[in-house]
Amino acid sequence: MSTISRRIFIGDVHGYYDGLMILLEASAPNSDDHIYFLGDLIDRGPESAKVVEFVQQSSYSCLLGNHEQMLLDAFSKKPENNSALATWLYSGGRSTLASYGDDNEKLLKHLNWIQTLPTHLDLGDIWLVHAGVAPKLPIYKQSREQFCWVRHQFHSITKPYFPDKLIVTGHTITFTLPGVLPGELAQGPGWLDIDTGVYHPLSGWLTGVDITNRQVYQVNVFQRITRILPLDEVVISIEPKLVLAR
């Protein structure tokens, strides 16, 4: 095991605070390690407020996910925000609101923090983003829409978007991709997807990847199972043509 500082990426948490605490206990990051959340801290799970509070108070980095963007849209002052509010509530926002109870001050504080989250981070050899990129657009022409929402268009690319960077994402539950089982990770040309569907009844797996040591930490929030596996044992390569065929 390497003794140098680790880079650990954590997939979509979706309000599962207890599972996140178990995952961090298993991975045992120290003060020299770097932790990165890939977005979607909130919605669907029972304790979104506690998840956001923890990440905000920590020294960890976090990206903007599509669920954070939906939350921001729901509370914006734009004329169309009534529709955005309904969309967010339908997409898991009700559980998030419930997790705040009557603490509107905390909700406002978290909203202000979420507005500061970046859409992507360039770590040199690795490029972090919640959903992916639009393959035919240069980075400077892409928007939050692509970074937070793109899906099949990105996973069907036939060559790496960056010649010298691995794109690591969440957003798309891995077992919705061809040939991937619940709990497995997915990879394609120049990308690695680590969202294993923590909230989904067919999965329950929350995933953290220590890319430095190529090790995967997982917690099943329904079964209360923890496991640590080599990355190569749990990642499945995806055929782009099979994604296109769906």
C-alpha atoms as a PDB file:
ATOM      1  CA  MET A   1       0.000   0.000   0.000  1.00  0.00           C
ATOM      2  CA  SER A   2       1.342   3.415  -0.930  1.00  0.00           C
ATOM      3  CA  THR A   3       2.210   5.762   1.932  1.00  0.00           C
ATOM      4  CA  ILE A   4       1.767   8.928  -0.120  1.00  0.00           C
ATOM      5  CA  SER A   5      -1.378  11.029   0.208  1.00  0.00           C
ATOM      6  CA  ARG A   6      -4.413   9.454  -1.405  1.00  0.00           C
ATOM      7  CA  ARG A   7      -7.031  10.903  -3.740  1.00  0.00           C
ATOM      8  CA  ILE A   8     -10.437   9.437  -2.892  1.00  0.00           C
ATOM      9  CA  PHE A   9     -13.530  10.073  -5.031  1.00  0.00           C
ATOM     10  CA  ILE A  10     -16.996   9.536  -3.551  1.00  0.00           C
ATOM     11  CA  GLY A  11     -20.021   8.922  -5.746  1.00  0.00           C
ATOM     12  CA  ASP A  12     -23.570  10.225  -5.324  1.00  0.00           C
ATOM     13  CA  VAL A  13     -24.512  10.130  -1.616  1.00  0.00           C
ATOM     14  CA  HIS A  14     -28.192  11.133  -2.033  1.00  0.00           C
ATOM     15  CA  GLY A  15     -28.859  11.874   1.614  1.00  0.00           C
ATOM     16  CA  TYR A  16     -27.487   8.640   3.099  1.00  0.00           C
ATOM     17  CA  TYR A  17     -25.510  10.175   5.935  1.00  0.00           C
ATOM     18  CA  ASP A  18     -25.029   6.995   7.984  1.00  0.00           C
ATOM     19  CA  GLY A  19     -23.720   5.147   4.941  1.00  0.00           C
ATOM     20  CA  LEU A  20     -21.300   7.987   4.231  1.00  0.00           C
ATOM     21  CA  MET A  21     -19.960   7.856   7.791  1.00  0.00           C
ATOM     22  CA  ILE A  22     -19.405   4.092   7.485  1.00  0.00           C
ATOM     23  CA  LEU A  23     -17.651   4.597   4.135  1.00  0.00           C
ATOM     24  CA  LEU A  24     -15.318   7.222   5.591  1.00  0.00           C
ATOM     25  CA  GLU A  25     -14.599   5.009   8.572  1.00  0.00           C
ATOM     26  CA  ALA A  26     -13.668   2.162   6.232  1.00  0.00           C
ATOM     27  CA  SER A  27     -11.449   4.318   4.006  1.00  0.00           C
ATOM     28  CA  ALA A  28      -9.966   6.139   7.043  1.00  0.00           C
ATOM     29  CA  PRO A  29      -8.718   9.292   5.323  1.00  0.00           C
ATOM     30  CA  ASN A  30      -6.038  11.236   7.160  1.00  0.00           C
ATOM     31  CA  SER A  31      -5.178  14.926   6.996  1.00  0.00           C
ATOM     32  CA  ASP A  32      -2.867  14.381   4.021  1.00  0.00           C
ATOM     33  CA  ASP A  33      -5.506  12.661   1.888  1.00  0.00           C
ATOM     34  CA  HIS A  34      -7.735  14.516  -0.552  1.00  0.00           C
ATOM     35  CA  ILE A  35     -11.455  13.681  -0.674  1.00  0.00           C
ATOM     36  CA  TYR A  36     -13.658  14.710  -3.597  1.00  0.00           C
ATOM     37  CA  PHE A  37     -17.449  14.384  -3.740  1.00  0.00           C
ATOM     38  CA  LEU A  38     -18.845  14.138  -7.282  1.00  0.00           C
ATOM     39  CA  GLY A  39     -22.171  15.874  -6.541  1.00  0.00           C
ATOM     40  CA  ASP A  40     -25.715  14.775  -5.697  1.00  0.00           C
ATOM     41  CA  LEU A  41     -25.234  14.961  -1.956  1.00  0.00           C
ATOM     42  CA  ILE A  42     -28.991  15.423  -1.608  1.00  0.00           C
ATOM     43  CA  ASP A  43     -32.452  14.019  -2.451  1.00  0.00           C
ATOM     44  CA  ARG A  44     -34.086  10.585  -2.166  1.00  0.00           C
ATOM     45  CA  GLY A  45     -32.297   9.516   1.041  1.00  0.00           C
ATOM     46  CA  PRO A  46     -33.405  10.465   4.579  1.00  0.00           C
ATOM     47  CA  GLU A  47     -30.679  12.844   5.810  1.00  0.00           C
ATOM     48  CA  SER A  48     -29.671  15.274   3.068  1.00  0.00           C
ATOM     49  CA  ALA A  49     -29.326  18.187   5.504  1.00  0.00           C
ATOM     50  CA  LYS A  50     -26.806  16.251   7.607  1.00  0.00           C
ATOM     51  CA  VAL A  51     -24.820  15.230   4.517  1.00  0.00           C
ATOM     52  CA  VAL A  52     -24.594  18.806   3.250  1.00  0.00           C
ATOM     53  CA  GLU A  53     -23.703  20.122   6.696  1.00  0.00           C
ATOM     54  CA  PHE A  54     -20.925  17.559   7.048  1.00  0.00           C
ATOM     55  CA  VAL A  55     -19.372  18.212   3.634  1.00  0.00           C
ATOM     56  CA  GLN A  56     -19.685  21.979   4.013  1.00  0.00           C
ATOM     57  CA  GLN A  57     -17.937  21.899   7.390  1.00  0.00           C
ATOM     58  CA  SER A  58     -15.179  19.569   6.179  1.00  0.00           C
ATOM     59  CA  SER A  59     -12.124  20.428   4.134  1.00  0.00           C
ATOM     60  CA  TYR A  60     -13.307  18.141   1.339  1.00  0.00           C
ATOM     61  CA  SER A  61     -14.002  19.259  -2.227  1.00  0.00           C
ATOM     62  CA  CYS A  62     -17.436  18.867  -3.788  1.00  0.00           C
ATOM     63  CA  LEU A  63     -18.874  19.292  -7.276  1.00  0.00           C
ATOM     64  CA  LEU A  64     -22.289  20.544  -8.309  1.00  0.00           C
ATOM     65  CA  GLY A  65     -24.632  17.710  -9.266  1.00  0.00           C
ATOM     66  CA  ASN A  66     -27.899  17.831 -11.165  1.00  0.00           C
ATOM     67  CA  HIS A  67     -29.859  17.429  -7.924  1.00  0.00           C
ATOM     68  CA  GLU A  68     -28.113  20.454  -6.402  1.00  0.00           C
ATOM     69  CA  GLN A  69     -28.880  22.339  -9.608  1.00  0.00           C
ATOM     70  CA  MET A  70     -32.544  21.350  -9.365  1.00  0.00           C
ATOM     71  CA  LEU A  71     -32.594  22.605  -5.779  1.00  0.00           C
ATOM     72  CA  LEU A  72     -31.112  25.944  -6.826  1.00  0.00           C
ATOM     73  CA  ASP A  73     -33.625  26.234  -9.673  1.00  0.00           C
ATOM     74  CA  ALA A  74     -36.494  25.412  -7.312  1.00  0.00           C
ATOM     75  CA  PHE A  75     -35.573  28.277  -4.995  1.00  0.00           C
ATOM     76  CA  SER A  76     -34.650  30.792  -7.672  1.00  0.00           C
ATOM     77  CA  LYS A  77     -36.698  33.944  -8.212  1.00  0.00           C
ATOM     78  CA  LYS A  78     -37.216  33.269 -11.906  1.00  0.00           C
ATOM     79  CA  PRO A  79     -40.823  33.199 -13.183  1.00  0.00           C
ATOM     80  CA  GLU A  80     -40.556  29.521 -14.068  1.00  0.00           C
ATOM     81  CA  ASN A  81     -39.497  28.451 -10.588  1.00  0.00           C
ATOM     82  CA  ASN A  82     -42.925  26.965  -9.784  1.00  0.00           C
ATOM     83  CA  SER A  83     -42.336  24.337 -12.448  1.00  0.00           C
ATOM     84  CA  ALA A  84     -38.752  23.849 -11.225  1.00  0.00           C
ATOM     85  CA  LEU A  85     -39.998  23.347  -7.675  1.00  0.00           C
ATOM     86  CA  ALA A  86     -42.449  20.664  -8.789  1.00  0.00           C
ATOM     87  CA  THR A  87     -39.701  18.921 -10.771  1.00  0.00           C
ATOM     88  CA  TRP A  88     -37.321  18.934  -7.827  1.00  0.00           C
ATOM     89  CA  LEU A  89     -39.934  17.669  -5.358  1.00  0.00           C
ATOM     90  CA  TYR A  90     -40.841  14.842  -7.737  1.00  0.00           C
ATOM     91  CA  SER A  91     -37.133  13.944  -8.138  1.00  0.00           C
ATOM     92  CA  GLY A  92     -36.463  13.364  -4.458  1.00  0.00           C
ATOM     93  CA  GLY A  93     -36.694  16.878  -3.094  1.00  0.00           C
ATOM     94  CA  ARG A  94     -39.480  16.056  -0.641  1.00  0.00           C
ATOM     95  CA  SER A  95     -37.134  13.968   1.483  1.00  0.00           C
ATOM     96  CA  THR A  96     -34.582  16.773   1.412  1.00  0.00           C
ATOM     97  CA  LEU A  97     -37.107  19.341   2.621  1.00  0.00           C
ATOM     98  CA  ALA A  98     -38.193  16.949   5.367  1.00  0.00           C
ATOM     99  CA  SER A  99     -34.598  16.577   6.516  1.00  0.00           C
ATOM    100  CA  TYR A 100     -34.450  20.319   7.282  1.00  0.00           C
ATOM    101  CA  GLY A 101     -37.674  20.331   9.277  1.00  0.00           C
ATOM    102  CA  ASP A 102     -38.382  23.969  10.163  1.00  0.00           C
ATOM    103  CA  ASP A 103     -34.729  25.033  10.051  1.00  0.00           C
ATOM    104  CA  ASN A 104     -35.007  27.551   7.225  1.00  0.00           C
ATOM    105  CA  GLU A 105     -31.827  29.290   8.379  1.00  0.00           C
ATOM    106  CA  LYS A 106     -29.795  26.134   7.774  1.00  0.00           C
ATOM    107  CA  LEU A 107     -31.471  25.577   4.402  1.00  0.00           C
ATOM    108  CA  LEU A 108     -30.584  29.126   3.317  1.00  0.00           C
ATOM    109  CA  LYS A 109     -26.999  28.672   4.491  1.00  0.00           C
ATOM    110  CA  HIS A 110     -26.712  25.456   2.491  1.00  0.00           C
ATOM    111  CA  LEU A 111     -28.276  27.053  -0.584  1.00  0.00           C
ATOM    112  CA  ASN A 112     -25.667  29.811  -0.471  1.00  0.00           C
ATOM    113  CA  TRP A 113     -22.899  27.233  -0.191  1.00  0.00           C
ATOM    114  CA  ILE A 114     -24.273  25.081  -3.007  1.00  0.00           C
ATOM    115  CA  GLN A 115     -24.223  28.126  -5.288  1.00  0.00           C
ATOM    116  CA  THR A 116     -20.429  28.227  -4.901  1.00  0.00           C
ATOM    117  CA  LEU A 117     -19.820  24.618  -5.972  1.00  0.00           C
ATOM    118  CA  PRO A 118     -17.770  24.115  -9.153  1.00  0.00           C
ATOM    119  CA  THR A 119     -19.071  22.060 -12.054  1.00  0.00           C
ATOM    120  CA  HIS A 120     -15.722  20.342 -12.600  1.00  0.00           C
ATOM    121  CA  LEU A 121     -12.197  20.042 -11.224  1.00  0.00           C
ATOM    122  CA  ASP A 122      -8.991  19.439 -13.173  1.00  0.00           C
ATOM    123  CA  LEU A 123      -6.490  17.423 -11.130  1.00  0.00           C
ATOM    124  CA  GLY A 124      -3.988  17.169 -13.961  1.00  0.00           C
ATOM    125  CA  ASP A 125      -4.225  13.500 -14.860  1.00  0.00           C
ATOM    126  CA  ILE A 126      -7.872  13.255 -13.754  1.00  0.00           C
ATOM    127  CA  TRP A 127     -10.836  15.458 -14.603  1.00  0.00           C
ATOM    128  CA  LEU A 128     -13.775  15.330 -12.187  1.00  0.00           C
ATOM    129  CA  VAL A 129     -17.328  16.179 -13.245  1.00  0.00           C
ATOM    130  CA  HIS A 130     -20.747  15.048 -12.075  1.00  0.00           C
ATOM    131  CA  ALA A 131     -22.258  13.702 -15.304  1.00  0.00           C
ATOM    132  CA  GLY A 132     -19.687  13.929 -18.095  1.00  0.00           C
ATOM    133  CA  VAL A 133     -19.088  16.087 -21.153  1.00  0.00           C
ATOM    134  CA  ALA A 134     -20.704  16.591 -24.542  1.00  0.00           C
ATOM    135  CA  PRO A 135     -18.230  14.742 -26.776  1.00  0.00           C
ATOM    136  CA  LYS A 136     -18.445  17.113 -29.760  1.00  0.00           C
ATOM    137  CA  LEU A 137     -18.099  20.384 -27.848  1.00  0.00           C
ATOM    138  CA  PRO A 138     -14.830  21.908 -26.609  1.00  0.00           C
ATOM    139  CA  ILE A 139     -14.730  22.476 -22.860  1.00  0.00           C
ATOM    140  CA  TYR A 140     -15.064  26.253 -23.138  1.00  0.00           C
ATOM    141  CA  LYS A 141     -18.398  25.872 -24.975  1.00  0.00           C
ATOM    142  CA  GLN A 142     -19.964  23.506 -22.441  1.00  0.00           C
ATOM    143  CA  SER A 143     -22.373  24.598 -19.742  1.00  0.00           C
ATOM    144  CA  ARG A 144     -23.835  23.345 -16.473  1.00  0.00           C
ATOM    145  CA  GLU A 145     -26.396  21.494 -18.576  1.00  0.00           C
ATOM    146  CA  GLN A 146     -23.737  19.224 -20.053  1.00  0.00           C
ATOM    147  CA  PHE A 147     -21.634  18.883 -16.901  1.00  0.00           C
ATOM    148  CA  CYS A 148     -24.627  18.052 -14.674  1.00  0.00           C
ATOM    149  CA  TRP A 149     -26.975  16.154 -16.981  1.00  0.00           C
ATOM    150  CA  VAL A 150     -25.280  14.487 -19.992  1.00  0.00           C
ATOM    151  CA  ARG A 151     -25.654  10.724 -20.065  1.00  0.00           C
ATOM    152  CA  HIS A 152     -25.827   8.347 -23.073  1.00  0.00           C
ATOM    153  CA  GLN A 153     -24.121  10.813 -25.407  1.00  0.00           C
ATOM    154  CA  PHE A 154     -21.078  10.752 -23.132  1.00  0.00           C
ATOM    155  CA  HIS A 155     -21.036   7.029 -22.358  1.00  0.00           C
ATOM    156  CA  SER A 156     -21.190   6.109 -26.043  1.00  0.00           C
ATOM    157  CA  ILE A 157     -17.957   7.925 -26.999  1.00  0.00           C
ATOM    158  CA  THR A 158     -15.549   5.712 -28.942  1.00  0.00           C
ATOM    159  CA  LYS A 159     -12.323   7.531 -28.021  1.00  0.00           C
ATOM    160  CA  PRO A 160     -11.210   9.493 -24.950  1.00  0.00           C
ATOM    161  CA  TYR A 161     -12.339  13.105 -24.772  1.00  0.00           C
ATOM    162  CA  PHE A 162      -8.993  14.078 -23.232  1.00  0.00           C
ATOM    163  CA  PRO A 163      -5.813  12.438 -24.551  1.00  0.00           C
ATOM    164  CA  ASP A 164      -4.104  12.679 -21.170  1.00  0.00           C
ATOM    165  CA  LYS A 165      -6.854  12.761 -18.512  1.00  0.00           C
ATOM    166  CA  LEU A 166      -9.280  10.220 -17.079  1.00  0.00           C
ATOM    167  CA  ILE A 167     -12.788  11.638 -16.590  1.00  0.00           C
ATOM    168  CA  VAL A 168     -14.345  10.399 -13.336  1.00  0.00           C
ATOM    169  CA  THR A 169     -18.102  10.839 -12.920  1.00  0.00           C
ATOM    170  CA  GLY A 170     -21.155   9.964 -10.891  1.00  0.00           C
ATOM    171  CA  HIS A 171     -24.736  10.694 -12.052  1.00  0.00           C
ATOM    172  CA  THR A 172     -25.481   7.583 -14.132  1.00  0.00           C
ATOM    173  CA  ILE A 173     -26.129   4.494 -12.012  1.00  0.00           C
ATOM    174  CA  THR A 174     -23.608   1.992 -13.270  1.00  0.00           C
ATOM    175  CA  PHE A 175     -25.932  -1.029 -13.464  1.00  0.00           C
ATOM    176  CA  THR A 176     -28.115   0.867 -15.957  1.00  0.00           C
ATOM    177  CA  LEU A 177     -25.229   0.478 -18.415  1.00  0.00           C
ATOM    178  CA  PRO A 178     -24.974  -2.743 -20.472  1.00  0.00           C
ATOM    179  CA  GLY A 179     -23.340  -5.697 -18.747  1.00  0.00           C
ATOM    180  CA  VAL A 180     -22.914  -4.058 -15.327  1.00  0.00           C
ATOM    181  CA  LEU A 181     -24.346  -5.538 -12.131  1.00  0.00           C
ATOM    182  CA  PRO A 182     -25.375  -3.628  -8.977  1.00  0.00           C
ATOM    183  CA  GLY A 183     -22.271  -2.595  -7.041  1.00  0.00           C
ATOM    184  CA  GLU A 184     -19.962  -2.791 -10.036  1.00  0.00           C
ATOM    185  CA  LEU A 185     -18.259   0.273 -11.531  1.00  0.00           C
ATOM    186  CA  ALA A 186     -18.222   1.080 -15.238  1.00  0.00           C
ATOM    187  CA  GLN A 187     -15.500   2.342 -17.530  1.00  0.00           C
ATOM    188  CA  GLY A 188     -15.219   3.306 -21.166  1.00  0.00           C
ATOM    189  CA  PRO A 189     -12.728   5.132 -23.393  1.00  0.00           C
ATOM    190  CA  GLY A 190     -11.227   7.736 -21.079  1.00  0.00           C
ATOM    191  CA  TRP A 191     -13.927   7.637 -18.374  1.00  0.00           C
ATOM    192  CA  LEU A 192     -14.832   5.924 -15.101  1.00  0.00           C
ATOM    193  CA  ASP A 193     -18.336   6.033 -13.567  1.00  0.00           C
ATOM    194  CA  ILE A 194     -18.594   5.360  -9.812  1.00  0.00           C
ATOM    195  CA  ASP A 195     -22.296   6.031  -9.063  1.00  0.00           C
ATOM    196  CA  THR A 196     -23.496   2.625  -7.887  1.00  0.00           C
ATOM    197  CA  GLY A 197     -27.048   3.708  -7.005  1.00  0.00           C
ATOM    198  CA  VAL A 198     -27.069   4.092  -3.225  1.00  0.00           C
ATOM    199  CA  TYR A 199     -30.806   4.882  -3.107  1.00  0.00           C
ATOM    200  CA  HIS A 200     -31.945   2.300  -5.650  1.00  0.00           C
ATOM    201  CA  PRO A 201     -33.760  -0.760  -4.213  1.00  0.00           C
ATOM    202  CA  LEU A 202     -31.801  -3.049  -6.556  1.00  0.00           C
ATOM    203  CA  SER A 203     -28.477  -1.747  -5.260  1.00  0.00           C
ATOM    204  CA  GLY A 204     -27.954   0.254  -2.064  1.00  0.00           C
ATOM    205  CA  TRP A 205     -24.209   0.547  -2.722  1.00  0.00           C
ATOM    206  CA  LEU A 206     -22.353   3.776  -1.932  1.00  0.00           C
ATOM    207  CA  THR A 207     -18.881   3.845  -3.471  1.00  0.00           C
ATOM    208  CA  GLY A 208     -15.592   5.571  -2.769  1.00  0.00           C
ATOM    209  CA  VAL A 209     -12.563   5.053  -5.006  1.00  0.00           C
ATOM    210  CA  ASP A 210      -8.992   5.483  -3.784  1.00  0.00           C
ATOM    211  CA  ILE A 211      -7.521   6.117  -7.203  1.00  0.00           C
ATOM    212  CA  THR A 212      -3.994   6.377  -5.777  1.00  0.00           C
ATOM    213  CA  ASN A 213      -3.992   2.763  -4.663  1.00  0.00           C
ATOM    214  CA  ARG A 214      -6.682   1.587  -7.106  1.00  0.00           C
ATOM    215  CA  GLN A 215      -8.893   0.416  -4.274  1.00  0.00           C
ATOM    216  CA  VAL A 216     -12.683   0.582  -3.928  1.00  0.00           C
ATOM    217  CA  TYR A 217     -14.557   1.096  -0.654  1.00  0.00           C
ATOM    218  CA  GLN A 218     -18.264   0.272  -0.630  1.00  0.00           C
ATOM    219  CA  VAL A 219     -21.112   0.310   1.860  1.00  0.00           C
ATOM    220  CA  ASN A 220     -24.543  -1.175   1.243  1.00  0.00           C
ATOM    221  CA  VAL A 221     -26.923   1.127   3.106  1.00  0.00           C
ATOM    222  CA  PHE A 222     -29.766  -1.419   3.120  1.00  0.00           C
ATOM    223  CA  GLN A 223     -27.826  -4.520   4.146  1.00  0.00           C
ATOM    224  CA  ARG A 224     -25.191  -2.736   6.272  1.00  0.00           C
ATOM    225  CA  ILE A 225     -22.391  -4.520   4.445  1.00  0.00           C
ATOM    226  CA  THR A 226     -18.947  -2.984   3.949  1.00  0.00           C
ATOM    227  CA  ARG A 227     -16.405  -4.262   1.470  1.00  0.00           C
ATOM    228  CA  ILE A 228     -12.968  -3.254   0.173  1.00  0.00           C
ATOM    229  CA  LEU A 229     -11.935  -4.484  -3.259  1.00  0.00           C
ATOM    230  CA  PRO A 230      -9.206  -3.848  -5.831  1.00  0.00           C
ATOM    231  CA  LEU A 231     -10.534  -1.517  -8.519  1.00  0.00           C
ATOM    232  CA  ASP A 232      -9.715  -4.007 -11.267  1.00  0.00           C
ATOM    233  CA  GLU A 233     -12.004  -6.613  -9.650  1.00  0.00           C
ATOM    234  CA  VAL A 234     -15.099  -4.420  -9.588  1.00  0.00           C
ATOM    235  CA  VAL A 235     -14.899  -2.292 -12.755  1.00  0.00           C
ATOM    236  CA  ILE A 236     -16.585  -3.413 -15.999  1.00  0.00           C
ATOM    237  CA  SER A 237     -15.567  -2.154 -19.443  1.00  0.00           C
ATOM    238  CA  ILE A 238     -18.459  -0.877 -21.548  1.00  0.00           C
ATOM    239  CA  GLU A 239     -18.853  -1.284 -25.302  1.00  0.00           C
ATOM    240  CA  PRO A 240     -19.876   2.154 -26.671  1.00  0.00           C
ATOM    241  CA  LYS A 241     -21.961   0.567 -29.431  1.00  0.00           C
ATOM    242  CA  LEU A 242     -24.074  -1.212 -26.806  1.00  0.00           C
ATOM    243  CA  VAL A 243     -24.838   2.108 -25.092  1.00  0.00           C
ATOM    244  CA  LEU A 244     -25.844   3.606 -28.435  1.00  0.00           C
ATOM    245  CA  ALA A 245     -28.142   0.652 -29.124  1.00  0.00           C
ATOM    246  CA  ARG A 246     -30.231   1.385 -26.019  1.00  0.00           C
END
